[in-house]
Amino acid sequence: MLSPKAYDGKERVDPVGTGTGPFELTKVSGSTAATLDRFDDYWGGLAQAPGIDARFIADGTARTNALRTGQVDIAEAIPVAQAATLDADTRRETATTRTTSLQLNTKRGVFKDPKLRAAARAAVDTSALAKGVYEGHADAGAGVYGPAVTWAAGKREQPVGRANAAAPGGRTVTLATYDNRPELTEVAQVLKQQLEQAGFKVELEVREYSRIESDALAGKFDAFVVARNTLVDTGDPVAVLASDYTCDGGYNLALLCDKDVDRAVAKAQGTVDTSARQNAAMAAEAEILGADAVVPLVHQRVMTGVGSSVEGVLLDPYERTLVGPGTRR
C-alpha cells in the first residue's frame, strides 16, 4: 500500500519512500534492481535482516548460477531444467495457485468453431507436459484451479455442453507464448507437435511478455500459452473468472463472450457465503471448460533456491511473499 505522497505531482507512481512493510524501498534502478532498508516502525515487529538488495535477472539459468556461486542468497523461480544443478538442501518446492493454460481464440480464426476447439483440447496430453517439460515438478491440468486450491477438487463439476471434435483438416493456427518463464517456450513446442499430430498446421511465435501482451489481448493469435495465478490479489476464486472469461473481462485472452458463462460468473460474484461462493465458482468453471475456451495444461510448483546460510524464507503458494521479518542469514 502506497501513501498519498507516491502520487503527488508526478506523471507516474513513485514507490520509493512511499510504501512500507518490514522493509522500505529506498532506491529503484529502472526495472533491474531495488534497494530496501529495514523499516524500524513496522507494526509487525523489527525485521531481523538490515535490508535487501533485490535484482531482476530475467534468465533462469543466470539466476540459478548466481545462487550457486554465492552472488545471491535467494533465487526465485528456478527453472525446472536447472533444479538438478542445485544441492538438495538449497531447493524448496511449493505447490502454487498458478495454472499454465492454453487459451483458444473464440472470437476469430480457426478456433471460433467450438468443434475445432474441442479437437485442440482432445489433442493435448497434459501428463506429457507435467512429466516431460516440468520433469515431474508440476501437476497435470485438472481445471482452472489446481491442487494448491485445496477445496477445489472436492467441488469440481463436469464441463457443461462441450462440442464434439471435428477433424482439423490441415487448418493453420498461430500458437504464441512468452519466454519470461523458461518452461513456456518448451510447453509451446510440445503443444505444436501434439496439435500437428492431430491434423493442425502450427506456426509458433515467442516473444518477451511486454512485447506480446497487447497482441495477445487483441486476439492476433489463434492460441496463447499463459501462466496465470488463479487466486490473484485477494485470494478470491471468482476474480480470475470475471477478468479472464467474461464479455467485459480485462484479461480475456480467449476473447470469450458467452451468456451462460457470464450468468454463472455473475451468480458467483453475488454469492457471499464462502462455501456457496466456492460452489458457484466451480459451476462457472464447468461452463468455461465446456466452451473449450481454455485447456488447463499444468498446475505449477515454484522452485525457490535458498542459500544454506539463510533462514526464514516465506514459501507462499500465492507467490506474493518471499522475505519477511524473520528472514535472515
C-alpha atoms as a PDB file:
ATOM      1  CA  MET A   1       0.000   0.000   0.000  1.00  0.00           C
ATOM      2  CA  LEU A   2       1.419   3.369  -1.000  1.00  0.00           C
ATOM      3  CA  SER A   3       0.987   6.657   0.826  1.00  0.00           C
ATOM      4  CA  PRO A   4      -0.559   9.695  -0.934  1.00  0.00           C
ATOM      5  CA  LYS A   5       2.967  11.044  -1.378  1.00  0.00           C
ATOM      6  CA  ALA A   6       3.505   8.426  -4.090  1.00  0.00           C
ATOM      7  CA  TYR A   7       1.062  10.284  -6.337  1.00  0.00           C
ATOM      8  CA  ASP A   8       1.977  13.891  -5.576  1.00  0.00           C
ATOM      9  CA  GLY A   9       2.516  15.896  -8.759  1.00  0.00           C
ATOM     10  CA  LYS A  10       4.060  13.045 -10.688  1.00  0.00           C
ATOM     11  CA  GLU A  11       3.241  11.535 -14.037  1.00  0.00           C
ATOM     12  CA  ARG A  12       3.774   8.073 -12.597  1.00  0.00           C
ATOM     13  CA  VAL A  13       3.642   6.448  -9.198  1.00  0.00           C
ATOM     14  CA  ASP A  14       6.895   6.568  -7.238  1.00  0.00           C
ATOM     15  CA  PRO A  15       7.161   3.747  -4.679  1.00  0.00           C
ATOM     16  CA  VAL A  16      10.452   4.968  -3.176  1.00  0.00           C
ATOM     17  CA  GLY A  17       9.830   6.044   0.400  1.00  0.00           C
ATOM     18  CA  THR A  18       6.059   5.839  -0.018  1.00  0.00           C
ATOM     19  CA  GLY A  19       5.255   2.249   0.870  1.00  0.00           C
ATOM     20  CA  THR A  20       6.262   0.263   3.900  1.00  0.00           C
ATOM     21  CA  GLY A  21       6.240  -3.189   5.382  1.00  0.00           C
ATOM     22  CA  PRO A  22       9.077  -4.903   7.233  1.00  0.00           C
ATOM     23  CA  PHE A  23      11.277  -3.111   4.685  1.00  0.00           C
ATOM     24  CA  GLU A  24      11.079   0.214   2.863  1.00  0.00           C
ATOM     25  CA  LEU A  25      12.055   0.844  -0.744  1.00  0.00           C
ATOM     26  CA  THR A  26      14.863   3.378  -0.746  1.00  0.00           C
ATOM     27  CA  LYS A  27      16.175   3.088  -4.294  1.00  0.00           C
ATOM     28  CA  VAL A  28      14.909   1.686  -7.599  1.00  0.00           C
ATOM     29  CA  SER A  29      17.191   1.274 -10.614  1.00  0.00           C
ATOM     30  CA  GLY A  30      14.825   1.021 -13.544  1.00  0.00           C
ATOM     31  CA  SER A  31      13.440  -2.500 -13.817  1.00  0.00           C
ATOM     32  CA  THR A  32      16.691  -4.249 -12.888  1.00  0.00           C
ATOM     33  CA  ALA A  33      17.361  -3.586  -9.203  1.00  0.00           C
ATOM     34  CA  ALA A  34      15.981  -2.180  -5.981  1.00  0.00           C
ATOM     35  CA  THR A  35      17.311  -1.449  -2.510  1.00  0.00           C
ATOM     36  CA  LEU A  36      15.217  -1.901   0.605  1.00  0.00           C
ATOM     37  CA  ASP A  37      16.168  -0.945   4.155  1.00  0.00           C
ATOM     38  CA  ARG A  38      14.644  -2.255   7.350  1.00  0.00           C
ATOM     39  CA  PHE A  39      11.644  -0.139   8.414  1.00  0.00           C
ATOM     40  CA  ASP A  40      12.009   0.225  12.154  1.00  0.00           C
ATOM     41  CA  ASP A  41       8.411   1.380  12.715  1.00  0.00           C
ATOM     42  CA  TYR A  42       6.806  -1.658  11.080  1.00  0.00           C
ATOM     43  CA  TRP A  43       3.804  -2.682  13.176  1.00  0.00           C
ATOM     44  CA  GLY A  44       4.614  -6.395  12.829  1.00  0.00           C
ATOM     45  CA  GLY A  45       7.964  -6.211  14.607  1.00  0.00           C
ATOM     46  CA  LEU A  46      11.545  -5.401  13.731  1.00  0.00           C
ATOM     47  CA  ALA A  47      12.905  -7.332  10.749  1.00  0.00           C
ATOM     48  CA  GLN A  48      15.944  -9.443  11.529  1.00  0.00           C
ATOM     49  CA  ALA A  49      17.730  -8.526   8.290  1.00  0.00           C
ATOM     50  CA  PRO A  50      19.035  -4.944   7.943  1.00  0.00           C
ATOM     51  CA  GLY A  51      17.879  -4.730   4.347  1.00  0.00           C
ATOM     52  CA  ILE A  52      17.514  -6.346   0.950  1.00  0.00           C
ATOM     53  CA  ASP A  53      19.352  -5.822  -2.312  1.00  0.00           C
ATOM     54  CA  ALA A  54      16.952  -7.112  -4.978  1.00  0.00           C
ATOM     55  CA  ARG A  55      17.983  -7.841  -8.547  1.00  0.00           C
ATOM     56  CA  PHE A  56      15.816  -8.745 -11.514  1.00  0.00           C
ATOM     57  CA  ILE A  57      17.588 -11.413 -13.565  1.00  0.00           C
ATOM     58  CA  ALA A  58      15.390 -12.465 -16.472  1.00  0.00           C
ATOM     59  CA  ASP A  59      17.393 -15.534 -17.446  1.00  0.00           C
ATOM     60  CA  GLY A  60      16.600 -18.504 -15.214  1.00  0.00           C
ATOM     61  CA  THR A  61      19.968 -20.155 -15.733  1.00  0.00           C
ATOM     62  CA  ALA A  62      21.701 -16.953 -14.692  1.00  0.00           C
ATOM     63  CA  ARG A  63      19.534 -16.768 -11.554  1.00  0.00           C
ATOM     64  CA  THR A  64      20.483 -20.323 -10.657  1.00  0.00           C
ATOM     65  CA  ASN A  65      24.177 -19.675 -11.268  1.00  0.00           C
ATOM     66  CA  ALA A  66      24.014 -16.541  -9.117  1.00  0.00           C
ATOM     67  CA  LEU A  67      22.720 -18.628  -6.212  1.00  0.00           C
ATOM     68  CA  ARG A  68      25.178 -21.454  -6.752  1.00  0.00           C
ATOM     69  CA  THR A  69      28.153 -19.079  -6.810  1.00  0.00           C
ATOM     70  CA  GLY A  70      27.003 -17.141  -3.753  1.00  0.00           C
ATOM     71  CA  GLN A  71      26.183 -13.898  -5.582  1.00  0.00           C
ATOM     72  CA  VAL A  72      22.632 -14.032  -4.214  1.00  0.00           C
ATOM     73  CA  ASP A  73      21.127 -15.625  -1.103  1.00  0.00           C
ATOM     74  CA  ILE A  74      17.669 -16.327  -2.553  1.00  0.00           C
ATOM     75  CA  ALA A  75      16.743 -17.032  -6.175  1.00  0.00           C
ATOM     76  CA  GLU A  76      13.085 -17.101  -7.131  1.00  0.00           C
ATOM     77  CA  ALA A  77      11.534 -19.279  -9.857  1.00  0.00           C
ATOM     78  CA  ILE A  78      14.391 -21.656 -10.558  1.00  0.00           C
ATOM     79  CA  PRO A  79      13.759 -23.305 -13.959  1.00  0.00           C
ATOM     80  CA  VAL A  80      12.945 -26.997 -13.833  1.00  0.00           C
ATOM     81  CA  ALA A  81      15.906 -27.740 -16.091  1.00  0.00           C
ATOM     82  CA  GLN A  82      18.240 -26.171 -13.518  1.00  0.00           C
ATOM     83  CA  ALA A  83      16.823 -27.878 -10.433  1.00  0.00           C
ATOM     84  CA  ALA A  84      19.254 -30.791 -10.579  1.00  0.00           C
ATOM     85  CA  THR A  85      22.234 -28.416 -10.587  1.00  0.00           C
ATOM     86  CA  LEU A  86      21.414 -27.262  -7.048  1.00  0.00           C
ATOM     87  CA  ASP A  87      22.144 -29.203  -3.883  1.00  0.00           C
ATOM     88  CA  ALA A  88      19.011 -30.764  -2.417  1.00  0.00           C
ATOM     89  CA  ASP A  89      19.237 -28.640   0.739  1.00  0.00           C
ATOM     90  CA  THR A  90      19.099 -25.421  -1.297  1.00  0.00           C
ATOM     91  CA  ARG A  91      15.924 -26.303  -3.224  1.00  0.00           C
ATOM     92  CA  ARG A  92      12.444 -25.516  -1.954  1.00  0.00           C
ATOM     93  CA  GLU A  93       9.422 -26.688  -3.957  1.00  0.00           C
ATOM     94  CA  THR A  94       5.971 -25.234  -3.310  1.00  0.00           C
ATOM     95  CA  ALA A  95       2.643 -26.008  -4.959  1.00  0.00           C
ATOM     96  CA  THR A  96       1.235 -22.739  -6.262  1.00  0.00           C
ATOM     97  CA  THR A  97      -2.099 -21.378  -7.382  1.00  0.00           C
ATOM     98  CA  ARG A  98      -0.580 -20.711 -10.807  1.00  0.00           C
ATOM     99  CA  THR A  99      -2.018 -22.636 -13.754  1.00  0.00           C
ATOM    100  CA  THR A 100      -0.369 -22.818 -17.161  1.00  0.00           C
ATOM    101  CA  SER A 101      -3.090 -22.985 -19.778  1.00  0.00           C
ATOM    102  CA  LEU A 102      -3.761 -22.892 -23.488  1.00  0.00           C
ATOM    103  CA  GLN A 103      -6.153 -20.063 -24.289  1.00  0.00           C
ATOM    104  CA  LEU A 104      -8.075 -20.586 -27.538  1.00  0.00           C
ATOM    105  CA  ASN A 105      -9.325 -17.580 -29.518  1.00  0.00           C
ATOM    106  CA  THR A 106     -13.108 -17.991 -29.513  1.00  0.00           C
ATOM    107  CA  LYS A 107     -13.853 -14.791 -31.448  1.00  0.00           C
ATOM    108  CA  ARG A 108     -12.000 -15.150 -34.730  1.00  0.00           C
ATOM    109  CA  GLY A 109      -9.897 -17.557 -36.740  1.00  0.00           C
ATOM    110  CA  VAL A 110      -9.839 -21.345 -36.673  1.00  0.00           C
ATOM    111  CA  PHE A 111     -10.904 -21.703 -33.053  1.00  0.00           C
ATOM    112  CA  LYS A 112     -14.017 -19.622 -33.463  1.00  0.00           C
ATOM    113  CA  ASP A 113     -15.515 -23.044 -34.290  1.00  0.00           C
ATOM    114  CA  PRO A 114     -16.202 -24.873 -30.987  1.00  0.00           C
ATOM    115  CA  LYS A 115     -15.724 -28.221 -32.744  1.00  0.00           C
ATOM    116  CA  LEU A 116     -12.163 -27.286 -33.655  1.00  0.00           C
ATOM    117  CA  ARG A 117     -11.546 -26.045 -30.117  1.00  0.00           C
ATOM    118  CA  ALA A 118     -12.708 -29.472 -28.965  1.00  0.00           C
ATOM    119  CA  ALA A 119     -10.260 -31.066 -31.387  1.00  0.00           C
ATOM    120  CA  ALA A 120      -7.410 -28.980 -29.973  1.00  0.00           C
ATOM    121  CA  ARG A 121      -8.355 -29.881 -26.418  1.00  0.00           C
ATOM    122  CA  ALA A 122      -8.510 -33.588 -27.304  1.00  0.00           C
ATOM    123  CA  ALA A 123      -5.068 -33.382 -28.919  1.00  0.00           C
ATOM    124  CA  VAL A 124      -3.340 -32.145 -25.769  1.00  0.00           C
ATOM    125  CA  ASP A 125      -1.667 -34.679 -23.489  1.00  0.00           C
ATOM    126  CA  THR A 126      -1.223 -32.788 -20.217  1.00  0.00           C
ATOM    127  CA  SER A 127       0.551 -35.653 -18.459  1.00  0.00           C
ATOM    128  CA  ALA A 128       3.322 -35.480 -21.066  1.00  0.00           C
ATOM    129  CA  LEU A 129       3.815 -31.823 -20.191  1.00  0.00           C
ATOM    130  CA  ALA A 130       3.875 -32.420 -16.432  1.00  0.00           C
ATOM    131  CA  LYS A 131       6.252 -35.369 -16.649  1.00  0.00           C
ATOM    132  CA  GLY A 132       8.328 -34.200 -19.607  1.00  0.00           C
ATOM    133  CA  VAL A 133       8.656 -30.422 -19.738  1.00  0.00           C
ATOM    134  CA  TYR A 134       8.308 -29.958 -15.971  1.00  0.00           C
ATOM    135  CA  GLU A 135      10.143 -33.186 -15.104  1.00  0.00           C
ATOM    136  CA  GLY A 136       7.531 -34.069 -12.508  1.00  0.00           C
ATOM    137  CA  HIS A 137       7.682 -30.664 -10.805  1.00  0.00           C
ATOM    138  CA  ALA A 138       4.099 -29.824 -11.847  1.00  0.00           C
ATOM    139  CA  ASP A 139       0.684 -31.480 -11.792  1.00  0.00           C
ATOM    140  CA  ALA A 140      -1.332 -32.297 -14.915  1.00  0.00           C
ATOM    141  CA  GLY A 141      -4.093 -29.778 -15.588  1.00  0.00           C
ATOM    142  CA  ALA A 142      -7.378 -30.585 -13.877  1.00  0.00           C
ATOM    143  CA  GLY A 143      -9.217 -27.298 -14.277  1.00  0.00           C
ATOM    144  CA  VAL A 144      -8.794 -23.580 -13.816  1.00  0.00           C
ATOM    145  CA  TYR A 145      -7.839 -24.296 -10.188  1.00  0.00           C
ATOM    146  CA  GLY A 146      -5.181 -26.823  -9.196  1.00  0.00           C
ATOM    147  CA  PRO A 147      -4.105 -28.811  -6.121  1.00  0.00           C
ATOM    148  CA  ALA A 148      -2.891 -25.740  -4.208  1.00  0.00           C
ATOM    149  CA  VAL A 149      -6.536 -24.579  -4.138  1.00  0.00           C
ATOM    150  CA  THR A 150      -7.288 -27.332  -1.672  1.00  0.00           C
ATOM    151  CA  TRP A 151     -11.084 -27.078  -1.691  1.00  0.00           C
ATOM    152  CA  ALA A 152     -11.466 -27.199  -5.485  1.00  0.00           C
ATOM    153  CA  ALA A 153     -11.080 -30.931  -6.187  1.00  0.00           C
ATOM    154  CA  GLY A 154     -13.999 -31.900  -3.961  1.00  0.00           C
ATOM    155  CA  LYS A 155     -16.299 -29.348  -5.575  1.00  0.00           C
ATOM    156  CA  ARG A 156     -15.313 -29.727  -9.254  1.00  0.00           C
ATOM    157  CA  GLU A 157     -18.138 -30.326 -11.734  1.00  0.00           C
ATOM    158  CA  GLN A 158     -18.062 -31.898 -15.181  1.00  0.00           C
ATOM    159  CA  PRO A 159     -17.715 -29.453 -18.117  1.00  0.00           C
ATOM    160  CA  VAL A 160     -21.074 -28.337 -19.482  1.00  0.00           C
ATOM    161  CA  GLY A 161     -22.128 -28.622 -23.135  1.00  0.00           C
ATOM    162  CA  ARG A 162     -18.858 -29.489 -24.811  1.00  0.00           C
ATOM    163  CA  ALA A 163     -18.968 -29.754 -28.621  1.00  0.00           C
ATOM    164  CA  ASN A 164     -17.919 -32.886 -30.447  1.00  0.00           C
ATOM    165  CA  ALA A 165     -14.480 -32.619 -32.009  1.00  0.00           C
ATOM    166  CA  ALA A 166     -14.203 -32.079 -35.772  1.00  0.00           C
ATOM    167  CA  ALA A 167     -11.293 -33.112 -37.981  1.00  0.00           C
ATOM    168  CA  PRO A 168      -8.745 -30.255 -38.184  1.00  0.00           C
ATOM    169  CA  GLY A 169      -8.239 -30.882 -41.892  1.00  0.00           C
ATOM    170  CA  GLY A 170      -4.823 -29.265 -42.036  1.00  0.00           C
ATOM    171  CA  ARG A 171      -6.007 -25.848 -40.872  1.00  0.00           C
ATOM    172  CA  THR A 172      -3.191 -23.488 -39.907  1.00  0.00           C
ATOM    173  CA  VAL A 173      -3.157 -21.928 -36.452  1.00  0.00           C
ATOM    174  CA  THR A 174      -0.793 -19.463 -34.819  1.00  0.00           C
ATOM    175  CA  LEU A 175       0.371 -20.523 -31.362  1.00  0.00           C
ATOM    176  CA  ALA A 176       2.131 -17.914 -29.251  1.00  0.00           C
ATOM    177  CA  THR A 177       3.733 -17.569 -25.844  1.00  0.00           C
ATOM    178  CA  TYR A 178       6.442 -15.617 -24.000  1.00  0.00           C
ATOM    179  CA  ASP A 179       9.894 -16.563 -22.780  1.00  0.00           C
ATOM    180  CA  ASN A 180       9.979 -14.792 -19.400  1.00  0.00           C
ATOM    181  CA  ARG A 181       9.048 -18.122 -17.830  1.00  0.00           C
ATOM    182  CA  PRO A 182      11.525 -20.523 -19.425  1.00  0.00           C
ATOM    183  CA  GLU A 183       9.275 -23.603 -19.439  1.00  0.00           C
ATOM    184  CA  LEU A 184       6.586 -21.904 -21.535  1.00  0.00           C
ATOM    185  CA  THR A 185       8.637 -21.989 -24.725  1.00  0.00           C
ATOM    186  CA  GLU A 186       9.171 -25.735 -24.360  1.00  0.00           C
ATOM    187  CA  VAL A 187       5.482 -26.211 -23.493  1.00  0.00           C
ATOM    188  CA  ALA A 188       4.543 -24.414 -26.705  1.00  0.00           C
ATOM    189  CA  GLN A 189       6.925 -26.564 -28.727  1.00  0.00           C
ATOM    190  CA  VAL A 190       5.401 -29.756 -27.311  1.00  0.00           C
ATOM    191  CA  LEU A 191       1.882 -28.423 -27.957  1.00  0.00           C
ATOM    192  CA  LYS A 192       2.887 -27.647 -31.524  1.00  0.00           C
ATOM    193  CA  GLN A 193       3.869 -31.286 -32.005  1.00  0.00           C
ATOM    194  CA  GLN A 194       0.690 -32.578 -30.382  1.00  0.00           C
ATOM    195  CA  LEU A 195      -1.558 -30.316 -32.456  1.00  0.00           C
ATOM    196  CA  GLU A 196       0.262 -31.226 -35.652  1.00  0.00           C
ATOM    197  CA  GLN A 197      -0.154 -34.917 -34.864  1.00  0.00           C
ATOM    198  CA  ALA A 198      -3.893 -34.240 -34.571  1.00  0.00           C
ATOM    199  CA  GLY A 199      -4.006 -32.671 -38.047  1.00  0.00           C
ATOM    200  CA  PHE A 200      -3.417 -28.950 -37.488  1.00  0.00           C
ATOM    201  CA  LYS A 201      -0.630 -26.941 -39.069  1.00  0.00           C
ATOM    202  CA  VAL A 202       1.016 -24.767 -36.430  1.00  0.00           C
ATOM    203  CA  GLU A 203       3.049 -21.576 -36.654  1.00  0.00           C
ATOM    204  CA  LEU A 204       4.854 -20.790 -33.392  1.00  0.00           C
ATOM    205  CA  GLU A 205       5.668 -17.292 -32.159  1.00  0.00           C
ATOM    206  CA  VAL A 206       7.635 -16.495 -28.986  1.00  0.00           C
ATOM    207  CA  ARG A 207       8.455 -13.029 -27.643  1.00  0.00           C
ATOM    208  CA  GLU A 208       9.244 -11.319 -24.353  1.00  0.00           C
ATOM    209  CA  TYR A 209       5.986 -10.761 -22.434  1.00  0.00           C
ATOM    210  CA  SER A 210       5.889  -6.966 -22.627  1.00  0.00           C
ATOM    211  CA  ARG A 211       6.237  -7.216 -26.415  1.00  0.00           C
ATOM    212  CA  ILE A 212       3.467  -9.760 -26.909  1.00  0.00           C
ATOM    213  CA  GLU A 213       0.768  -8.937 -24.356  1.00  0.00           C
ATOM    214  CA  SER A 214      -1.061  -6.311 -26.417  1.00  0.00           C
ATOM    215  CA  ASP A 215      -1.248  -8.581 -29.465  1.00  0.00           C
ATOM    216  CA  ALA A 216      -2.493 -11.466 -27.322  1.00  0.00           C
ATOM    217  CA  LEU A 217      -5.235  -9.337 -25.766  1.00  0.00           C
ATOM    218  CA  ALA A 218      -6.206  -8.073 -29.225  1.00  0.00           C
ATOM    219  CA  GLY A 219      -6.740 -11.652 -30.405  1.00  0.00           C
ATOM    220  CA  LYS A 220      -3.994 -11.686 -33.016  1.00  0.00           C
ATOM    221  CA  PHE A 221      -3.155 -15.320 -32.248  1.00  0.00           C
ATOM    222  CA  ASP A 222      -5.296 -18.417 -32.521  1.00  0.00           C
ATOM    223  CA  ALA A 223      -3.915 -19.840 -29.300  1.00  0.00           C
ATOM    224  CA  PHE A 224      -1.820 -18.463 -26.471  1.00  0.00           C
ATOM    225  CA  VAL A 225       0.066 -20.264 -23.692  1.00  0.00           C
ATOM    226  CA  VAL A 226       0.000 -18.328 -20.422  1.00  0.00           C
ATOM    227  CA  ALA A 227       0.908 -18.946 -16.784  1.00  0.00           C
ATOM    228  CA  ARG A 228      -1.718 -17.317 -14.584  1.00  0.00           C
ATOM    229  CA  ASN A 229      -2.213 -17.040 -10.838  1.00  0.00           C
ATOM    230  CA  THR A 230      -5.809 -18.153 -10.291  1.00  0.00           C
ATOM    231  CA  LEU A 231      -6.181 -16.539  -6.859  1.00  0.00           C
ATOM    232  CA  VAL A 232      -4.916 -13.079  -7.704  1.00  0.00           C
ATOM    233  CA  ASP A 233      -4.610 -10.304  -5.132  1.00  0.00           C
ATOM    234  CA  THR A 234      -7.363 -11.170  -2.644  1.00  0.00           C
ATOM    235  CA  GLY A 235      -7.414 -14.945  -2.965  1.00  0.00           C
ATOM    236  CA  ASP A 236     -10.994 -14.796  -4.246  1.00  0.00           C
ATOM    237  CA  PRO A 237     -11.593 -17.610  -6.777  1.00  0.00           C
ATOM    238  CA  VAL A 238     -14.183 -15.630  -8.731  1.00  0.00           C
ATOM    239  CA  ALA A 239     -11.909 -12.705  -9.616  1.00  0.00           C
ATOM    240  CA  VAL A 240      -9.910 -14.615 -12.234  1.00  0.00           C
ATOM    241  CA  LEU A 241     -13.079 -15.965 -13.854  1.00  0.00           C
ATOM    242  CA  ALA A 242     -14.521 -12.472 -14.222  1.00  0.00           C
ATOM    243  CA  SER A 243     -11.320 -10.949 -15.592  1.00  0.00           C
ATOM    244  CA  ASP A 244     -10.359 -13.806 -17.927  1.00  0.00           C
ATOM    245  CA  TYR A 245     -13.587 -15.325 -19.257  1.00  0.00           C
ATOM    246  CA  THR A 246     -16.447 -12.820 -19.276  1.00  0.00           C
ATOM    247  CA  CYS A 247     -17.514 -10.441 -22.039  1.00  0.00           C
ATOM    248  CA  ASP A 248     -16.210  -7.422 -20.099  1.00  0.00           C
ATOM    249  CA  GLY A 249     -13.133  -9.159 -18.689  1.00  0.00           C
ATOM    250  CA  GLY A 250      -9.966  -7.111 -18.793  1.00  0.00           C
ATOM    251  CA  TYR A 251      -7.621 -10.071 -19.337  1.00  0.00           C
ATOM    252  CA  ASN A 252      -9.791 -12.179 -21.621  1.00  0.00           C
ATOM    253  CA  LEU A 253      -7.134 -13.801 -23.820  1.00  0.00           C
ATOM    254  CA  ALA A 254      -9.676 -16.279 -25.196  1.00  0.00           C
ATOM    255  CA  LEU A 255     -11.996 -13.374 -26.149  1.00  0.00           C
ATOM    256  CA  LEU A 256     -14.815 -15.468 -24.735  1.00  0.00           C
ATOM    257  CA  CYS A 257     -18.235 -13.852 -24.640  1.00  0.00           C
ATOM    258  CA  ASP A 258     -20.806 -16.442 -23.654  1.00  0.00           C
ATOM    259  CA  LYS A 259     -24.091 -15.585 -21.933  1.00  0.00           C
ATOM    260  CA  ASP A 260     -24.128 -18.808 -19.919  1.00  0.00           C
ATOM    261  CA  VAL A 261     -20.595 -18.191 -18.652  1.00  0.00           C
ATOM    262  CA  ASP A 262     -21.384 -14.569 -17.804  1.00  0.00           C
ATOM    263  CA  ARG A 263     -24.511 -15.649 -15.951  1.00  0.00           C
ATOM    264  CA  ALA A 264     -22.622 -18.277 -13.947  1.00  0.00           C
ATOM    265  CA  VAL A 265     -19.803 -15.869 -13.050  1.00  0.00           C
ATOM    266  CA  ALA A 266     -22.296 -13.152 -12.066  1.00  0.00           C
ATOM    267  CA  LYS A 267     -24.032 -15.633  -9.765  1.00  0.00           C
ATOM    268  CA  ALA A 268     -20.724 -16.473  -8.138  1.00  0.00           C
ATOM    269  CA  GLN A 269     -19.893 -12.778  -7.733  1.00  0.00           C
ATOM    270  CA  GLY A 270     -23.181 -12.214  -5.954  1.00  0.00           C
ATOM    271  CA  THR A 271     -22.732 -15.115  -3.528  1.00  0.00           C
ATOM    272  CA  VAL A 272     -21.435 -14.094  -0.101  1.00  0.00           C
ATOM    273  CA  ASP A 273     -21.183 -17.313   1.897  1.00  0.00           C
ATOM    274  CA  THR A 274     -17.675 -18.737   1.423  1.00  0.00           C
ATOM    275  CA  SER A 275     -18.613 -22.355   0.722  1.00  0.00           C
ATOM    276  CA  ALA A 276     -21.510 -21.369  -1.542  1.00  0.00           C
ATOM    277  CA  ARG A 277     -19.229 -18.940  -3.400  1.00  0.00           C
ATOM    278  CA  GLN A 278     -16.740 -21.737  -3.976  1.00  0.00           C
ATOM    279  CA  ASN A 279     -19.535 -23.974  -5.301  1.00  0.00           C
ATOM    280  CA  ALA A 280     -20.668 -21.212  -7.632  1.00  0.00           C
ATOM    281  CA  ALA A 281     -17.106 -20.670  -8.837  1.00  0.00           C
ATOM    282  CA  MET A 282     -16.800 -24.354  -9.723  1.00  0.00           C
ATOM    283  CA  ALA A 283     -20.135 -24.240 -11.564  1.00  0.00           C
ATOM    284  CA  ALA A 284     -18.776 -21.283 -13.564  1.00  0.00           C
ATOM    285  CA  GLU A 285     -15.561 -23.203 -14.220  1.00  0.00           C
ATOM    286  CA  ALA A 286     -17.650 -26.061 -15.651  1.00  0.00           C
ATOM    287  CA  GLU A 287     -19.291 -23.618 -18.095  1.00  0.00           C
ATOM    288  CA  ILE A 288     -15.909 -22.192 -19.141  1.00  0.00           C
ATOM    289  CA  LEU A 289     -14.344 -25.614 -19.650  1.00  0.00           C
ATOM    290  CA  GLY A 290     -17.438 -26.696 -21.538  1.00  0.00           C
ATOM    291  CA  ALA A 291     -16.895 -23.873 -24.013  1.00  0.00           C
ATOM    292  CA  ASP A 292     -13.306 -25.114 -24.577  1.00  0.00           C
ATOM    293  CA  ALA A 293     -12.075 -21.554 -24.284  1.00  0.00           C
ATOM    294  CA  VAL A 294      -9.194 -22.787 -22.156  1.00  0.00           C
ATOM    295  CA  VAL A 295      -7.264 -26.025 -21.872  1.00  0.00           C
ATOM    296  CA  PRO A 296      -5.635 -26.277 -18.408  1.00  0.00           C
ATOM    297  CA  LEU A 297      -2.182 -27.729 -19.035  1.00  0.00           C
ATOM    298  CA  VAL A 298      -0.324 -27.958 -15.735  1.00  0.00           C
ATOM    299  CA  HIS A 299      -0.558 -26.593 -12.223  1.00  0.00           C
ATOM    300  CA  GLN A 300       2.845 -25.251 -11.373  1.00  0.00           C
ATOM    301  CA  ARG A 301       5.084 -25.770  -8.413  1.00  0.00           C
ATOM    302  CA  VAL A 302       7.549 -22.966  -7.884  1.00  0.00           C
ATOM    303  CA  MET A 303      11.166 -23.831  -7.190  1.00  0.00           C
ATOM    304  CA  THR A 304      12.976 -21.395  -4.927  1.00  0.00           C
ATOM    305  CA  GLY A 305      16.725 -21.516  -4.409  1.00  0.00           C
ATOM    306  CA  VAL A 306      17.739 -20.710  -0.835  1.00  0.00           C
ATOM    307  CA  GLY A 307      21.336 -20.377   0.313  1.00  0.00           C
ATOM    308  CA  SER A 308      22.378 -22.779   3.078  1.00  0.00           C
ATOM    309  CA  SER A 309      23.016 -19.878   5.480  1.00  0.00           C
ATOM    310  CA  VAL A 310      19.546 -18.341   5.016  1.00  0.00           C
ATOM    311  CA  GLU A 311      16.632 -18.966   7.374  1.00  0.00           C
ATOM    312  CA  GLY A 312      13.012 -17.823   7.494  1.00  0.00           C
ATOM    313  CA  VAL A 313      12.253 -17.613   3.754  1.00  0.00           C
ATOM    314  CA  LEU A 314       8.487 -17.472   3.175  1.00  0.00           C
ATOM    315  CA  LEU A 315       7.318 -20.083   0.647  1.00  0.00           C
ATOM    316  CA  ASP A 316       3.944 -18.757  -0.418  1.00  0.00           C
ATOM    317  CA  PRO A 317       1.587 -20.665  -2.785  1.00  0.00           C
ATOM    318  CA  TYR A 318       0.252 -17.280  -3.886  1.00  0.00           C
ATOM    319  CA  GLU A 319       3.797 -16.178  -4.869  1.00  0.00           C
ATOM    320  CA  ARG A 320       3.287 -12.842  -3.143  1.00  0.00           C
ATOM    321  CA  THR A 321       5.727 -13.061  -0.237  1.00  0.00           C
ATOM    322  CA  LEU A 322       9.289 -14.305  -0.043  1.00  0.00           C
ATOM    323  CA  VAL A 323      11.141 -12.261   2.566  1.00  0.00           C
ATOM    324  CA  GLY A 324       9.566 -11.324   5.900  1.00  0.00           C
ATOM    325  CA  PRO A 325      10.535 -10.069   9.355  1.00  0.00           C
ATOM    326  CA  GLY A 326      12.055 -13.429  10.281  1.00  0.00           C
ATOM    327  CA  THR A 327      14.160 -13.889   7.155  1.00  0.00           C
ATOM    328  CA  ARG A 328      17.830 -13.736   7.998  1.00  0.00           C
ATOM    329  CA  ARG A 329      21.278 -15.178   7.290  1.00  0.00           C
END
